[in-house]
Amino acid sequence: MKILGNIVWLIFGGFGIAVEYFVSSLLLMITIIGIPFGIATMRLGILALWPFGSHIVDKPQDGGCLNMIMNVLWFFVGGFWIAMTHLGFGLLLCITIIGFPWGKMHFRLMRLALAPFGKEIVNNDF
């Protein structure tokens, strides 16, 4: 069922969102200061390609305060606008019963887009 959900996700917007993440990641990686943000955006893009069958967990606090500082900077650099995009798509998809699972996925990605540092994407397939 996860494979079917991911295929439908790719067809109805997931591929476009992933391309948006990858392009912004490349633009962020042009500068040395933007490399950590580009890496975070690349992780979001990879998750946006195949989101069903994975979940997000908190990393052990090896980064400490640095993760919090990076999340605050991320929020002002672009995280807020990415989250609003996911909110809009999520609300649009939740209007119908059929689109509800994909809308929930946008809400999950929205939560990660607000604060990606200190989080890890774990694949459920063992």
PDB file of N, CA and C in Angstrom:
ATOM      1  N   MET A   1       0.816  -1.186   0.000  1.00  0.00           N
ATOM      2  CA  MET A   1       0.000   0.000   0.000  1.00  0.00           C
ATOM      3  C   MET A   1       0.865   1.257   0.000  1.00  0.00           C
ATOM      4  N   LYS A   2       2.055   1.170   0.659  1.00  0.00           N
ATOM      5  CA  LYS A   2       2.949   2.317   0.690  1.00  0.00           C
ATOM      6  C   LYS A   2       3.428   2.690  -0.710  1.00  0.00           C
ATOM      7  N   ILE A   3       3.677   1.667  -1.530  1.00  0.00           N
ATOM      8  CA  ILE A   3       4.171   1.928  -2.887  1.00  0.00           C
ATOM      9  C   ILE A   3       3.097   2.659  -3.696  1.00  0.00           C
ATOM     10  N   LEU A   4       1.858   2.217  -3.580  1.00  0.00           N
ATOM     11  CA  LEU A   4       0.756   2.874  -4.294  1.00  0.00           C
ATOM     12  C   LEU A   4       0.587   4.315  -3.816  1.00  0.00           C
ATOM     13  N   GLY A   5       0.663   4.527  -2.505  1.00  0.00           N
ATOM     14  CA  GLY A   5       0.557   5.881  -1.963  1.00  0.00           C
ATOM     15  C   GLY A   5       1.667   6.784  -2.464  1.00  0.00           C
ATOM     16  N   ASN A   6       2.894   6.254  -2.538  1.00  0.00           N
ATOM     17  CA  ASN A   6       4.022   7.040  -3.028  1.00  0.00           C
ATOM     18  C   ASN A   6       3.899   7.356  -4.512  1.00  0.00           C
ATOM     19  N   ILE A   7       3.395   6.425  -5.292  1.00  0.00           N
ATOM     20  CA  ILE A   7       3.233   6.670  -6.733  1.00  0.00           C
ATOM     21  C   ILE A   7       2.187   7.755  -6.969  1.00  0.00           C
ATOM     22  N   VAL A   8       1.058   7.665  -6.266  1.00  0.00           N
ATOM     23  CA  VAL A   8       0.024   8.691  -6.400  1.00  0.00           C
ATOM     24  C   VAL A   8       0.561  10.037  -5.901  1.00  0.00           C
ATOM     25  N   TRP A   9       1.338  10.004  -4.829  1.00  0.00           N
ATOM     26  CA  TRP A   9       1.964  11.218  -4.296  1.00  0.00           C
ATOM     27  C   TRP A   9       2.855  11.879  -5.352  1.00  0.00           C
ATOM     28  N   LEU A  10       3.674  11.093  -6.029  1.00  0.00           N
ATOM     29  CA  LEU A  10       4.558  11.645  -7.053  1.00  0.00           C
ATOM     30  C   LEU A  10       3.770  12.262  -8.207  1.00  0.00           C
ATOM     31  N   ILE A  11       2.713  11.597  -8.625  1.00  0.00           N
ATOM     32  CA  ILE A  11       1.931  12.075  -9.768  1.00  0.00           C
ATOM     33  C   ILE A  11       1.204  13.370  -9.427  1.00  0.00           C
ATOM     34  N   PHE A  12       0.628  13.457  -8.244  1.00  0.00           N
ATOM     35  CA  PHE A  12      -0.205  14.608  -7.893  1.00  0.00           C
ATOM     36  C   PHE A  12       0.511  15.609  -6.993  1.00  0.00           C
ATOM     37  N   GLY A  13       1.744  15.956  -7.329  1.00  0.00           N
ATOM     38  CA  GLY A  13       2.403  17.071  -6.665  1.00  0.00           C
ATOM     39  C   GLY A  13       3.692  16.770  -5.944  1.00  0.00           C
ATOM     40  N   GLY A  14       3.935  15.538  -5.589  1.00  0.00           N
ATOM     41  CA  GLY A  14       5.151  15.213  -4.853  1.00  0.00           C
ATOM     42  C   GLY A  14       6.419  15.476  -5.648  1.00  0.00           C
ATOM     43  N   PHE A  15       6.367  15.191  -6.939  1.00  0.00           N
ATOM     44  CA  PHE A  15       7.537  15.418  -7.779  1.00  0.00           C
ATOM     45  C   PHE A  15       7.838  16.911  -7.892  1.00  0.00           C
ATOM     46  N   GLY A  16       6.808  17.714  -8.033  1.00  0.00           N
ATOM     47  CA  GLY A  16       6.992  19.167  -8.120  1.00  0.00           C
ATOM     48  C   GLY A  16       7.572  19.754  -6.849  1.00  0.00           C
ATOM     49  N   ILE A  17       7.105  19.271  -5.712  1.00  0.00           N
ATOM     50  CA  ILE A  17       7.619  19.747  -4.431  1.00  0.00           C
ATOM     51  C   ILE A  17       9.076  19.328  -4.263  1.00  0.00           C
ATOM     52  N   ALA A  18       9.402  18.103  -4.659  1.00  0.00           N
ATOM     53  CA  ALA A  18      10.781  17.629  -4.554  1.00  0.00           C
ATOM     54  C   ALA A  18      11.712  18.456  -5.443  1.00  0.00           C
ATOM     55  N   VAL A  19      11.261  18.773  -6.651  1.00  0.00           N
ATOM     56  CA  VAL A  19      12.076  19.608  -7.544  1.00  0.00           C
ATOM     57  C   VAL A  19      12.281  20.987  -6.926  1.00  0.00           C
ATOM     58  N   GLU A  20      11.238  21.537  -6.315  1.00  0.00           N
ATOM     59  CA  GLU A  20      11.352  22.826  -5.633  1.00  0.00           C
ATOM     60  C   GLU A  20      12.401  22.753  -4.520  1.00  0.00           C
ATOM     61  N   TYR A  21      12.368  21.693  -3.743  1.00  0.00           N
ATOM     62  CA  TYR A  21      13.367  21.506  -2.683  1.00  0.00           C
ATOM     63  C   TYR A  21      14.774  21.382  -3.261  1.00  0.00           C
ATOM     64  N   PHE A  22      14.948  20.602  -4.323  1.00  0.00           N
ATOM     65  CA  PHE A  22      16.279  20.388  -4.886  1.00  0.00           C
ATOM     66  C   PHE A  22      16.850  21.661  -5.507  1.00  0.00           C
ATOM     67  N   VAL A  23      16.029  22.434  -6.185  1.00  0.00           N
ATOM     68  CA  VAL A  23      16.506  23.687  -6.775  1.00  0.00           C
ATOM     69  C   VAL A  23      16.909  24.668  -5.671  1.00  0.00           C
ATOM     70  N   SER A  24      16.079  24.794  -4.643  1.00  0.00           N
ATOM     71  CA  SER A  24      16.438  25.697  -3.550  1.00  0.00           C
ATOM     72  C   SER A  24      17.670  25.200  -2.804  1.00  0.00           C
ATOM     73  N   SER A  25      17.847  23.883  -2.715  1.00  0.00           N
ATOM     74  CA  SER A  25      19.034  23.337  -2.085  1.00  0.00           C
ATOM     75  C   SER A  25      20.293  23.713  -2.856  1.00  0.00           C
ATOM     76  N   LEU A  26      20.236  23.587  -4.173  1.00  0.00           N
ATOM     77  CA  LEU A  26      21.390  23.963  -4.981  1.00  0.00           C
ATOM     78  C   LEU A  26      21.688  25.455  -4.866  1.00  0.00           C
ATOM     79  N   LEU A  27      20.659  26.292  -4.831  1.00  0.00           N
ATOM     80  CA  LEU A  27      20.865  27.723  -4.673  1.00  0.00           C
ATOM     81  C   LEU A  27      21.463  28.061  -3.309  1.00  0.00           C
ATOM     82  N   LEU A  28      21.038  27.354  -2.275  1.00  0.00           N
ATOM     83  CA  LEU A  28      21.591  27.594  -0.948  1.00  0.00           C
ATOM     84  C   LEU A  28      23.047  27.144  -0.844  1.00  0.00           C
ATOM     85  N   MET A  29      23.410  26.107  -1.574  1.00  0.00           N
ATOM     86  CA  MET A  29      24.771  25.577  -1.481  1.00  0.00           C
ATOM     87  C   MET A  29      25.793  26.395  -2.273  1.00  0.00           C
ATOM     88  N   ILE A  30      25.351  27.440  -2.947  1.00  0.00           N
ATOM     89  CA  ILE A  30      26.296  28.292  -3.669  1.00  0.00           C
ATOM     90  C   ILE A  30      27.233  28.990  -2.694  1.00  0.00           C
ATOM     91  N   THR A  31      26.695  29.411  -1.560  1.00  0.00           N
ATOM     92  CA  THR A  31      27.529  30.084  -0.568  1.00  0.00           C
ATOM     93  C   THR A  31      27.946  29.098   0.514  1.00  0.00           C
ATOM     94  N   ILE A  32      29.046  29.377   1.151  1.00  0.00           N
ATOM     95  CA  ILE A  32      29.538  28.500   2.224  1.00  0.00           C
ATOM     96  C   ILE A  32      28.590  28.551   3.416  1.00  0.00           C
ATOM     97  N   ILE A  33      28.058  29.713   3.702  1.00  0.00           N
ATOM     98  CA  ILE A  33      27.158  29.856   4.848  1.00  0.00           C
ATOM     99  C   ILE A  33      25.862  29.075   4.630  1.00  0.00           C
ATOM    100  N   GLY A  34      25.431  28.947   3.388  1.00  0.00           N
ATOM    101  CA  GLY A  34      24.170  28.279   3.093  1.00  0.00           C
ATOM    102  C   GLY A  34      24.256  26.770   2.990  1.00  0.00           C
ATOM    103  N   ILE A  35      25.469  26.194   3.070  1.00  0.00           N
ATOM    104  CA  ILE A  35      25.612  24.741   2.894  1.00  0.00           C
ATOM    105  C   ILE A  35      24.796  23.937   3.915  1.00  0.00           C
ATOM    106  N   PRO A  36      24.827  24.257   5.219  1.00  0.00           N
ATOM    107  CA  PRO A  36      23.995  23.466   6.146  1.00  0.00           C
ATOM    108  C   PRO A  36      22.502  23.546   5.825  1.00  0.00           C
ATOM    109  N   PHE A  37      22.049  24.719   5.381  1.00  0.00           N
ATOM    110  CA  PHE A  37      20.645  24.872   5.010  1.00  0.00           C
ATOM    111  C   PHE A  37      20.346  24.102   3.718  1.00  0.00           C
ATOM    112  N   GLY A  38      21.303  24.074   2.800  1.00  0.00           N
ATOM    113  CA  GLY A  38      21.140  23.310   1.564  1.00  0.00           C
ATOM    114  C   GLY A  38      21.048  21.819   1.824  1.00  0.00           C
ATOM    115  N   ILE A  39      21.853  21.349   2.770  1.00  0.00           N
ATOM    116  CA  ILE A  39      21.799  19.920   3.132  1.00  0.00           C
ATOM    117  C   ILE A  39      20.441  19.585   3.751  1.00  0.00           C
ATOM    118  N   ALA A  40      19.947  20.471   4.626  1.00  0.00           N
ATOM    119  CA  ALA A  40      18.629  20.238   5.240  1.00  0.00           C
ATOM    120  C   ALA A  40      17.539  20.227   4.172  1.00  0.00           C
ATOM    121  N   THR A  41      17.645  21.133   3.202  1.00  0.00           N
ATOM    122  CA  THR A  41      16.652  21.180   2.136  1.00  0.00           C
ATOM    123  C   THR A  41      16.744  19.940   1.255  1.00  0.00           C
ATOM    124  N   MET A  42      17.953  19.431   1.038  1.00  0.00           N
ATOM    125  CA  MET A  42      18.129  18.210   0.249  1.00  0.00           C
ATOM    126  C   MET A  42      17.452  17.020   0.958  1.00  0.00           C
ATOM    127  N   ARG A  43      17.597  16.946   2.263  1.00  0.00           N
ATOM    128  CA  ARG A  43      16.922  15.869   3.015  1.00  0.00           C
ATOM    129  C   ARG A  43      15.414  15.977   2.883  1.00  0.00           C
ATOM    130  N   LEU A  44      14.902  17.205   2.946  1.00  0.00           N
ATOM    131  CA  LEU A  44      13.460  17.400   2.768  1.00  0.00           C
ATOM    132  C   LEU A  44      13.015  16.988   1.374  1.00  0.00           C
ATOM    133  N   GLY A  45      13.844  17.271   0.366  1.00  0.00           N
ATOM    134  CA  GLY A  45      13.518  16.888  -1.006  1.00  0.00           C
ATOM    135  C   GLY A  45      13.487  15.379  -1.188  1.00  0.00           C
ATOM    136  N   ILE A  46      14.429  14.693  -0.556  1.00  0.00           N
ATOM    137  CA  ILE A  46      14.457  13.232  -0.643  1.00  0.00           C
ATOM    138  C   ILE A  46      13.210  12.647   0.017  1.00  0.00           C
ATOM    139  N   LEU A  47      12.833  13.208   1.155  1.00  0.00           N
ATOM    140  CA  LEU A  47      11.610  12.734   1.817  1.00  0.00           C
ATOM    141  C   LEU A  47      10.378  13.059   0.978  1.00  0.00           C
ATOM    142  N   ALA A  48      10.386  14.210   0.294  1.00  0.00           N
ATOM    143  CA  ALA A  48       9.241  14.595  -0.520  1.00  0.00           C
ATOM    144  C   ALA A  48       9.074  13.693  -1.736  1.00  0.00           C
ATOM    145  N   LEU A  49      10.131  13.017  -2.167  1.00  0.00           N
ATOM    146  CA  LEU A  49      10.006  12.087  -3.292  1.00  0.00           C
ATOM    147  C   LEU A  49       9.276  10.803  -2.906  1.00  0.00           C
ATOM    148  N   TRP A  50       9.528  10.295  -1.718  1.00  0.00           N
ATOM    149  CA  TRP A  50       8.992   8.987  -1.324  1.00  0.00           C
ATOM    150  C   TRP A  50       8.634   9.019   0.160  1.00  0.00           C
ATOM    151  N   PRO A  51       7.583   9.773   0.560  1.00  0.00           N
ATOM    152  CA  PRO A  51       7.335   9.998   1.985  1.00  0.00           C
ATOM    153  C   PRO A  51       6.642   8.866   2.730  1.00  0.00           C
ATOM    154  N   PHE A  52       5.818   8.084   2.042  1.00  0.00           N
ATOM    155  CA  PHE A  52       5.089   7.025   2.743  1.00  0.00           C
ATOM    156  C   PHE A  52       6.049   5.878   3.040  1.00  0.00           C
ATOM    157  N   GLY A  53       6.037   5.404   4.250  1.00  0.00           N
ATOM    158  CA  GLY A  53       6.941   4.328   4.653  1.00  0.00           C
ATOM    159  C   GLY A  53       8.139   4.843   5.428  1.00  0.00           C
ATOM    160  N   SER A  54       8.139   6.100   5.799  1.00  0.00           N
ATOM    161  CA  SER A  54       9.221   6.651   6.616  1.00  0.00           C
ATOM    162  C   SER A  54       8.601   7.545   7.686  1.00  0.00           C
ATOM    163  N   HIS A  55       9.367   7.779   8.723  1.00  0.00           N
ATOM    164  CA  HIS A  55       8.888   8.677   9.768  1.00  0.00           C
ATOM    165  C   HIS A  55      10.049   9.527  10.277  1.00  0.00           C
ATOM    166  N   ILE A  56       9.718  10.545  11.035  1.00  0.00           N
ATOM    167  CA  ILE A  56      10.691  11.521  11.503  1.00  0.00           C
ATOM    168  C   ILE A  56      10.876  11.325  13.000  1.00  0.00           C
ATOM    169  N   VAL A  57      12.134  11.248  13.422  1.00  0.00           N
ATOM    170  CA  VAL A  57      12.448  11.116  14.836  1.00  0.00           C
ATOM    171  C   VAL A  57      13.447  12.202  15.219  1.00  0.00           C
ATOM    172  N   ASP A  58      13.470  12.506  16.507  1.00  0.00           N
ATOM    173  CA  ASP A  58      14.460  13.448  17.013  1.00  0.00           C
ATOM    174  C   ASP A  58      15.805  12.759  17.131  1.00  0.00           C
ATOM    175  N   LYS A  59      16.857  13.449  16.689  1.00  0.00           N
ATOM    176  CA  LYS A  59      18.215  12.929  16.853  1.00  0.00           C
ATOM    177  C   LYS A  59      18.616  13.101  18.299  1.00  0.00           C
ATOM    178  N   PRO A  60      19.530  12.256  18.760  1.00  0.00           N
ATOM    179  CA  PRO A  60      20.093  12.525  20.082  1.00  0.00           C
ATOM    180  C   PRO A  60      20.730  13.912  20.080  1.00  0.00           C
ATOM    181  N   GLN A  61      20.656  14.613  21.167  1.00  0.00           N
ATOM    182  CA  GLN A  61      21.107  16.003  21.217  1.00  0.00           C
ATOM    183  C   GLN A  61      22.627  16.126  21.213  1.00  0.00           C
ATOM    184  N   ASP A  62      23.248  15.683  20.125  1.00  0.00           N
ATOM    185  CA  ASP A  62      24.683  15.867  19.990  1.00  0.00           C
ATOM    186  C   ASP A  62      25.014  17.266  19.490  1.00  0.00           C
ATOM    187  N   GLY A  63      24.068  17.946  18.843  1.00  0.00           N
ATOM    188  CA  GLY A  63      24.282  19.299  18.341  1.00  0.00           C
ATOM    189  C   GLY A  63      23.982  20.352  19.390  1.00  0.00           C
ATOM    190  N   GLY A  64      23.188  19.983  20.393  1.00  0.00           N
ATOM    191  CA  GLY A  64      22.868  20.892  21.476  1.00  0.00           C
ATOM    192  C   GLY A  64      22.198  22.160  21.019  1.00  0.00           C
ATOM    193  N   CYS A  65      22.748  23.271  21.459  1.00  0.00           N
ATOM    194  CA  CYS A  65      22.188  24.593  21.189  1.00  0.00           C
ATOM    195  C   CYS A  65      22.308  24.983  19.719  1.00  0.00           C
ATOM    196  N   LEU A  66      23.270  24.396  19.015  1.00  0.00           N
ATOM    197  CA  LEU A  66      23.465  24.720  17.605  1.00  0.00           C
ATOM    198  C   LEU A  66      22.232  24.369  16.778  1.00  0.00           C
ATOM    199  N   ASN A  67      21.590  23.244  17.082  1.00  0.00           N
ATOM    200  CA  ASN A  67      20.364  22.870  16.367  1.00  0.00           C
ATOM    201  C   ASN A  67      19.274  23.917  16.547  1.00  0.00           C
ATOM    202  N   MET A  68      19.144  24.445  17.754  1.00  0.00           N
ATOM    203  CA  MET A  68      18.123  25.455  18.007  1.00  0.00           C
ATOM    204  C   MET A  68      18.437  26.736  17.242  1.00  0.00           C
ATOM    205  N   ILE A  69      19.680  27.162  17.248  1.00  0.00           N
ATOM    206  CA  ILE A  69      20.069  28.377  16.519  1.00  0.00           C
ATOM    207  C   ILE A  69      19.829  28.197  15.024  1.00  0.00           C
ATOM    208  N   MET A  70      20.198  27.043  14.486  1.00  0.00           N
ATOM    209  CA  MET A  70      20.000  26.782  13.060  1.00  0.00           C
ATOM    210  C   MET A  70      18.516  26.738  12.705  1.00  0.00           C
ATOM    211  N   ASN A  71      17.690  26.170  13.592  1.00  0.00           N
ATOM    212  CA  ASN A  71      16.241  26.140  13.333  1.00  0.00           C
ATOM    213  C   ASN A  71      15.640  27.540  13.344  1.00  0.00           C
ATOM    214  N   VAL A  72      16.117  28.421  14.237  1.00  0.00           N
ATOM    215  CA  VAL A  72      15.620  29.793  14.272  1.00  0.00           C
ATOM    216  C   VAL A  72      16.015  30.523  12.990  1.00  0.00           C
ATOM    217  N   LEU A  73      17.275  30.375  12.567  1.00  0.00           N
ATOM    218  CA  LEU A  73      17.720  30.986  11.313  1.00  0.00           C
ATOM    219  C   LEU A  73      16.940  30.424  10.129  1.00  0.00           C
ATOM    220  N   TRP A  74      16.746  29.107  10.123  1.00  0.00           N
ATOM    221  CA  TRP A  74      16.011  28.444   9.046  1.00  0.00           C
ATOM    222  C   TRP A  74      14.590  28.985   8.935  1.00  0.00           C
ATOM    223  N   PHE A  75      13.948  29.189  10.087  1.00  0.00           N
ATOM    224  CA  PHE A  75      12.575  29.688  10.095  1.00  0.00           C
ATOM    225  C   PHE A  75      12.485  31.023   9.366  1.00  0.00           C
ATOM    226  N   PHE A  76      13.436  31.916   9.607  1.00  0.00           N
ATOM    227  CA  PHE A  76      13.395  33.235   8.979  1.00  0.00           C
ATOM    228  C   PHE A  76      13.911  33.232   7.550  1.00  0.00           C
ATOM    229  N   VAL A  77      14.803  32.314   7.207  1.00  0.00           N
ATOM    230  CA  VAL A  77      15.356  32.267   5.852  1.00  0.00           C
ATOM    231  C   VAL A  77      14.326  31.730   4.862  1.00  0.00           C
ATOM    232  N   GLY A  78      13.562  30.742   5.236  1.00  0.00           N
ATOM    233  CA  GLY A  78      12.609  30.197   4.276  1.00  0.00           C
ATOM    234  C   GLY A  78      11.699  29.134   4.827  1.00  0.00           C
ATOM    235  N   GLY A  79      11.950  28.673   6.018  1.00  0.00           N
ATOM    236  CA  GLY A  79      11.142  27.597   6.581  1.00  0.00           C
ATOM    237  C   GLY A  79       9.681  27.957   6.741  1.00  0.00           C
ATOM    238  N   PHE A  80       9.415  29.218   7.087  1.00  0.00           N
ATOM    239  CA  PHE A  80       8.028  29.647   7.258  1.00  0.00           C
ATOM    240  C   PHE A  80       7.264  29.547   5.950  1.00  0.00           C
ATOM    241  N   TRP A  81       7.876  29.991   4.850  1.00  0.00           N
ATOM    242  CA  TRP A  81       7.186  29.996   3.562  1.00  0.00           C
ATOM    243  C   TRP A  81       7.012  28.586   3.015  1.00  0.00           C
ATOM    244  N   ILE A  82       7.987  27.725   3.248  1.00  0.00           N
ATOM    245  CA  ILE A  82       7.837  26.323   2.840  1.00  0.00           C
ATOM    246  C   ILE A  82       6.700  25.673   3.620  1.00  0.00           C
ATOM    247  N   ALA A  83       6.634  25.965   4.923  1.00  0.00           N
ATOM    248  CA  ALA A  83       5.574  25.400   5.754  1.00  0.00           C
ATOM    249  C   ALA A  83       4.198  25.904   5.303  1.00  0.00           C
ATOM    250  N   MET A  84       4.115  27.173   4.900  1.00  0.00           N
ATOM    251  CA  MET A  84       2.829  27.697   4.425  1.00  0.00           C
ATOM    252  C   MET A  84       2.410  27.038   3.109  1.00  0.00           C
ATOM    253  N   THR A  85       3.384  26.704   2.265  1.00  0.00           N
ATOM    254  CA  THR A  85       3.077  25.974   1.033  1.00  0.00           C
ATOM    255  C   THR A  85       2.491  24.607   1.366  1.00  0.00           C
ATOM    256  N   HIS A  86       3.123  23.911   2.305  1.00  0.00           N
ATOM    257  CA  HIS A  86       2.600  22.597   2.714  1.00  0.00           C
ATOM    258  C   HIS A  86       1.227  22.730   3.371  1.00  0.00           C
ATOM    259  N   LEU A  87       1.023  23.783   4.138  1.00  0.00           N
ATOM    260  CA  LEU A  87      -0.282  23.987   4.768  1.00  0.00           C
ATOM    261  C   LEU A  87      -1.360  24.189   3.707  1.00  0.00           C
ATOM    262  N   GLY A  88      -1.070  25.005   2.709  1.00  0.00           N
ATOM    263  CA  GLY A  88      -2.048  25.235   1.638  1.00  0.00           C
ATOM    264  C   GLY A  88      -2.385  23.976   0.878  1.00  0.00           C
ATOM    265  N   PHE A  89      -1.350  23.206   0.478  1.00  0.00           N
ATOM    266  CA  PHE A  89      -1.604  21.955  -0.238  1.00  0.00           C
ATOM    267  C   PHE A  89      -2.327  20.951   0.655  1.00  0.00           C
ATOM    268  N   GLY A  90      -1.961  20.907   1.933  1.00  0.00           N
ATOM    269  CA  GLY A  90      -2.617  19.980   2.852  1.00  0.00           C
ATOM    270  C   GLY A  90      -4.086  20.282   3.027  1.00  0.00           C
ATOM    271  N   LEU A  91      -4.417  21.570   3.193  1.00  0.00           N
ATOM    272  CA  LEU A  91      -5.824  21.950   3.324  1.00  0.00           C
ATOM    273  C   LEU A  91      -6.590  21.677   2.041  1.00  0.00           C
ATOM    274  N   LEU A  92      -5.966  21.948   0.912  1.00  0.00           N
ATOM    275  CA  LEU A  92      -6.617  21.699  -0.377  1.00  0.00           C
ATOM    276  C   LEU A  92      -6.908  20.211  -0.571  1.00  0.00           C
ATOM    277  N   LEU A  93      -5.953  19.355  -0.195  1.00  0.00           N
ATOM    278  CA  LEU A  93      -6.155  17.918  -0.372  1.00  0.00           C
ATOM    279  C   LEU A  93      -7.127  17.330   0.652  1.00  0.00           C
ATOM    280  N   CYS A  94      -7.230  17.945   1.825  1.00  0.00           N
ATOM    281  CA  CYS A  94      -8.119  17.407   2.862  1.00  0.00           C
ATOM    282  C   CYS A  94      -9.580  17.765   2.624  1.00  0.00           C
ATOM    283  N   ILE A  95      -9.862  18.545   1.598  1.00  0.00           N
ATOM    284  CA  ILE A  95     -11.261  18.864   1.296  1.00  0.00           C
ATOM    285  C   ILE A  95     -12.022  17.593   0.922  1.00  0.00           C
ATOM    286  N   THR A  96     -11.361  16.698   0.185  1.00  0.00           N
ATOM    287  CA  THR A  96     -12.016  15.450  -0.216  1.00  0.00           C
ATOM    288  C   THR A  96     -11.545  14.311   0.669  1.00  0.00           C
ATOM    289  N   ILE A  97     -12.339  13.290   0.768  1.00  0.00           N
ATOM    290  CA  ILE A  97     -11.963  12.115   1.557  1.00  0.00           C
ATOM    291  C   ILE A  97     -10.822  11.368   0.887  1.00  0.00           C
ATOM    292  N   ILE A  98     -10.814  11.344  -0.426  1.00  0.00           N
ATOM    293  CA  ILE A  98      -9.778  10.617  -1.156  1.00  0.00           C
ATOM    294  C   ILE A  98      -8.406  11.254  -0.944  1.00  0.00           C
ATOM    295  N   GLY A  99      -8.347  12.574  -0.876  1.00  0.00           N
ATOM    296  CA  GLY A  99      -7.067  13.265  -0.737  1.00  0.00           C
ATOM    297  C   GLY A  99      -6.571  13.384   0.680  1.00  0.00           C
ATOM    298  N   PHE A 100      -7.322  12.888   1.655  1.00  0.00           N
ATOM    299  CA  PHE A 100      -6.960  13.050   3.067  1.00  0.00           C
ATOM    300  C   PHE A 100      -5.591  12.468   3.422  1.00  0.00           C
ATOM    301  N   PRO A 101      -5.217  11.252   2.988  1.00  0.00           N
ATOM    302  CA  PRO A 101      -3.882  10.743   3.350  1.00  0.00           C
ATOM    303  C   PRO A 101      -2.749  11.616   2.820  1.00  0.00           C
ATOM    304  N   TRP A 102      -2.924  12.186   1.647  1.00  0.00           N
ATOM    305  CA  TRP A 102      -1.884  13.030   1.062  1.00  0.00           C
ATOM    306  C   TRP A 102      -1.864  14.394   1.749  1.00  0.00           C
ATOM    307  N   GLY A 103      -3.015  14.849   2.184  1.00  0.00           N
ATOM    308  CA  GLY A 103      -3.067  16.082   2.969  1.00  0.00           C
ATOM    309  C   GLY A 103      -2.362  15.919   4.299  1.00  0.00           C
ATOM    310  N   LYS A 104      -2.585  14.767   4.949  1.00  0.00           N
ATOM    311  CA  LYS A 104      -1.878  14.491   6.200  1.00  0.00           C
ATOM    312  C   LYS A 104      -0.374  14.450   5.984  1.00  0.00           C
ATOM    313  N   MET A 105       0.068  13.944   4.824  1.00  0.00           N
ATOM    314  CA  MET A 105       1.496  13.901   4.526  1.00  0.00           C
ATOM    315  C   MET A 105       2.062  15.312   4.400  1.00  0.00           C
ATOM    316  N   HIS A 106       1.290  16.210   3.799  1.00  0.00           N
ATOM    317  CA  HIS A 106       1.748  17.602   3.711  1.00  0.00           C
ATOM    318  C   HIS A 106       1.861  18.225   5.095  1.00  0.00           C
ATOM    319  N   PHE A 107       0.954  17.896   5.991  1.00  0.00           N
ATOM    320  CA  PHE A 107       1.041  18.429   7.350  1.00  0.00           C
ATOM    321  C   PHE A 107       2.271  17.879   8.067  1.00  0.00           C
ATOM    322  N   ARG A 108       2.596  16.617   7.823  1.00  0.00           N
ATOM    323  CA  ARG A 108       3.800  16.035   8.419  1.00  0.00           C
ATOM    324  C   ARG A 108       5.060  16.701   7.859  1.00  0.00           C
ATOM    325  N   LEU A 109       5.070  16.951   6.545  1.00  0.00           N
ATOM    326  CA  LEU A 109       6.209  17.641   5.947  1.00  0.00           C
ATOM    327  C   LEU A 109       6.277  19.092   6.410  1.00  0.00           C
ATOM    328  N   MET A 110       5.139  19.700   6.680  1.00  0.00           N
ATOM    329  CA  MET A 110       5.118  21.067   7.187  1.00  0.00           C
ATOM    330  C   MET A 110       5.810  21.152   8.538  1.00  0.00           C
ATOM    331  N   ARG A 111       5.551  20.192   9.394  1.00  0.00           N
ATOM    332  CA  ARG A 111       6.183  20.172  10.714  1.00  0.00           C
ATOM    333  C   ARG A 111       7.698  20.057  10.595  1.00  0.00           C
ATOM    334  N   LEU A 112       8.154  19.236   9.646  1.00  0.00           N
ATOM    335  CA  LEU A 112       9.588  19.089   9.437  1.00  0.00           C
ATOM    336  C   LEU A 112      10.170  20.325   8.762  1.00  0.00           C
ATOM    337  N   ALA A 113       9.415  20.964   7.886  1.00  0.00           N
ATOM    338  CA  ALA A 113       9.916  22.149   7.187  1.00  0.00           C
ATOM    339  C   ALA A 113      10.096  23.330   8.136  1.00  0.00           C
ATOM    340  N   LEU A 114       9.382  23.362   9.229  1.00  0.00           N
ATOM    341  CA  LEU A 114       9.549  24.449  10.190  1.00  0.00           C
ATOM    342  C   LEU A 114      10.848  24.327  10.971  1.00  0.00           C
ATOM    343  N   ALA A 115      11.266  23.128  11.305  1.00  0.00           N
ATOM    344  CA  ALA A 115      12.469  22.934  12.117  1.00  0.00           C
ATOM    345  C   ALA A 115      13.161  21.629  11.722  1.00  0.00           C
ATOM    346  N   PRO A 116      13.966  21.627  10.637  1.00  0.00           N
ATOM    347  CA  PRO A 116      14.575  20.377  10.175  1.00  0.00           C
ATOM    348  C   PRO A 116      15.838  19.960  10.919  1.00  0.00           C
ATOM    349  N   PHE A 117      16.472  20.879  11.602  1.00  0.00           N
ATOM    350  CA  PHE A 117      17.721  20.537  12.278  1.00  0.00           C
ATOM    351  C   PHE A 117      17.431  19.813  13.582  1.00  0.00           C
ATOM    352  N   GLY A 118      18.162  18.760  13.847  1.00  0.00           N
ATOM    353  CA  GLY A 118      17.933  17.925  15.020  1.00  0.00           C
ATOM    354  C   GLY A 118      16.921  16.822  14.775  1.00  0.00           C
ATOM    355  N   LYS A 119      16.496  16.655  13.545  1.00  0.00           N
ATOM    356  CA  LYS A 119      15.548  15.605  13.176  1.00  0.00           C
ATOM    357  C   LYS A 119      16.231  14.619  12.238  1.00  0.00           C
ATOM    358  N   GLU A 120      15.731  13.403  12.231  1.00  0.00           N
ATOM    359  CA  GLU A 120      16.273  12.364  11.361  1.00  0.00           C
ATOM    360  C   GLU A 120      15.105  11.643  10.677  1.00  0.00           C
ATOM    361  N   ILE A 121      15.289  11.319   9.412  1.00  0.00           N
ATOM    362  CA  ILE A 121      14.274  10.600   8.655  1.00  0.00           C
ATOM    363  C   ILE A 121      14.639   9.126   8.693  1.00  0.00           C
ATOM    364  N   VAL A 122      13.724   8.305   9.206  1.00  0.00           N
ATOM    365  CA  VAL A 122      13.969   6.877   9.366  1.00  0.00           C
ATOM    366  C   VAL A 122      13.016   6.113   8.462  1.00  0.00           C
ATOM    367  N   ASN A 123      13.555   5.168   7.721  1.00  0.00           N
ATOM    368  CA  ASN A 123      12.755   4.329   6.839  1.00  0.00           C
ATOM    369  C   ASN A 123      12.125   3.212   7.658  1.00  0.00           C
ATOM    370  N   ASN A 124      10.829   2.965   7.467  1.00  0.00           N
ATOM    371  CA  ASN A 124      10.132   1.921   8.206  1.00  0.00           C
ATOM    372  C   ASN A 124      10.430   0.518   7.682  1.00  0.00           C
ATOM    373  N   ASP A 125      10.951   0.409   6.455  1.00  0.00           N
ATOM    374  CA  ASP A 125      11.232  -0.891   5.888  1.00  0.00           C
ATOM    375  C   ASP A 125      12.474  -1.483   6.544  1.00  0.00           C
ATOM    376  N   PHE A 126      12.319  -2.643   7.121  1.00  0.00           N
ATOM    377  CA  PHE A 126      13.460  -3.269   7.800  1.00  0.00           C
ATOM    378  C   PHE A 126      14.009  -4.376   6.974  1.00  0.00           C
TER     379      PHE A 126
END
